Each structure stands twice: as structure tokens, then as C-alpha cells.
């Protein structure tokens, strides 16, 4: 037995996770020209934001390039 207190950290959820996904889309415009668009989907999950159950607050944003 050690005379020192040994702190063993518990595994916790991260405070925030961010996921970025890229999607390629093709569409035709009025002149029948094919336009390539890149859609970026960003999902952010924040933990420990006031929920008693520990459920994350999730937000999703979409952008087009």
C-alpha cells in the first residue's frame, strides 16, 4: 500500500465534439449546364451544458461552396 494518494482519472465524455462531412452534388441549371456543388455539413455536440441526464446539445449547420 502506498502512502501517496493515487488519482486514477475516470473516463469522461469530451466537452465538445465536431464532425465535418463533405458531399459532392451535381445539378442542372436553366441553361442545361451541369453545376458541381460541395455541401459541408458540420455537427457539433456539446456535453455538460446543463442537462441532468448528460445528453449533449447537438447543432448542425449546412454550407455550400
Protein backbone atom coordinates (compact mmCIF):
# COMPACT_ATOMS: atom_id res chain seq x y z
CA UNK A 1 0.00 0.00 0.00
CA UNK A 2 1.30 3.41 -0.94
CA UNK A 3 1.37 6.36 1.43
CA UNK A 4 0.55 8.63 -1.52
CA UNK A 5 -2.95 9.10 -2.82
CA UNK A 6 -3.03 7.81 -6.35
CA UNK A 7 -5.55 9.59 -8.51
CA UNK A 8 -6.99 7.43 -11.26
CA UNK A 9 -8.97 9.61 -13.67
CA UNK A 10 -12.37 8.36 -14.73
CA UNK A 11 -13.22 8.15 -18.38
CA UNK A 12 -15.44 11.12 -19.19
CA UNK A 13 -17.19 12.33 -22.29
CA UNK A 14 -15.39 15.12 -24.10
CA UNK A 15 -16.71 18.65 -23.62
CA UNK A 16 -17.30 19.13 -27.33
CA UNK A 17 -17.04 17.05 -30.49
CA UNK A 18 -17.15 18.46 -34.01
CA UNK A 19 -17.78 16.36 -37.14
CA UNK A 20 -17.32 17.85 -40.61
CA UNK A 21 -18.64 15.98 -43.67
CA UNK A 22 -18.23 16.92 -47.33
CA UNK A 23 -20.72 15.92 -50.04
CA UNK A 24 -20.48 16.46 -53.77
CA UNK A 25 -23.68 17.30 -55.67
CA UNK A 26 -24.38 17.85 -59.35
CA UNK A 27 -27.38 19.77 -60.66
CA UNK A 28 -28.53 21.27 -63.92
CA UNK A 29 -29.31 24.95 -64.17
CA UNK A 30 -31.77 26.62 -66.58
CA UNK A 31 -29.33 26.54 -69.48
CA UNK A 32 -28.83 22.75 -69.04
CA UNK A 33 -25.32 23.33 -67.79
CA UNK A 34 -24.20 20.94 -65.05
CA UNK A 35 -23.10 22.72 -61.89
CA UNK A 36 -20.96 21.00 -59.27
CA UNK A 37 -21.62 22.00 -55.67
CA UNK A 38 -19.84 20.98 -52.49
CA UNK A 39 -22.04 20.78 -49.39
CA UNK A 40 -20.36 20.96 -45.97
CA UNK A 41 -22.29 19.57 -43.00
CA UNK A 42 -20.88 20.46 -39.58
CA UNK A 43 -22.31 18.73 -36.50
CA UNK A 44 -21.30 19.98 -33.06
CA UNK A 45 -22.11 18.08 -29.85
CA UNK A 46 -21.53 19.91 -26.56
CA UNK A 47 -21.59 17.93 -23.32
CA UNK A 48 -22.16 19.11 -19.75
CA UNK A 49 -24.29 22.04 -20.88
CA UNK A 50 -26.98 21.79 -18.20
CA UNK A 51 -28.78 18.54 -18.98
CA UNK A 52 -29.27 16.45 -15.85
CA UNK A 53 -29.21 13.25 -17.92
CA UNK A 54 -25.94 14.15 -19.59
CA UNK A 55 -27.49 14.38 -23.05
CA UNK A 56 -25.46 16.52 -25.45
CA UNK A 57 -26.67 19.69 -27.13
CA UNK A 58 -26.40 18.98 -30.86
CA UNK A 59 -26.32 21.64 -33.59
CA UNK A 60 -25.98 21.05 -37.33
CA UNK A 61 -25.06 23.66 -39.96
CA UNK A 62 -25.01 23.35 -43.77
CA UNK A 63 -22.92 25.38 -46.19
CA UNK A 64 -22.43 25.27 -49.95
CA UNK A 65 -19.19 26.11 -51.74
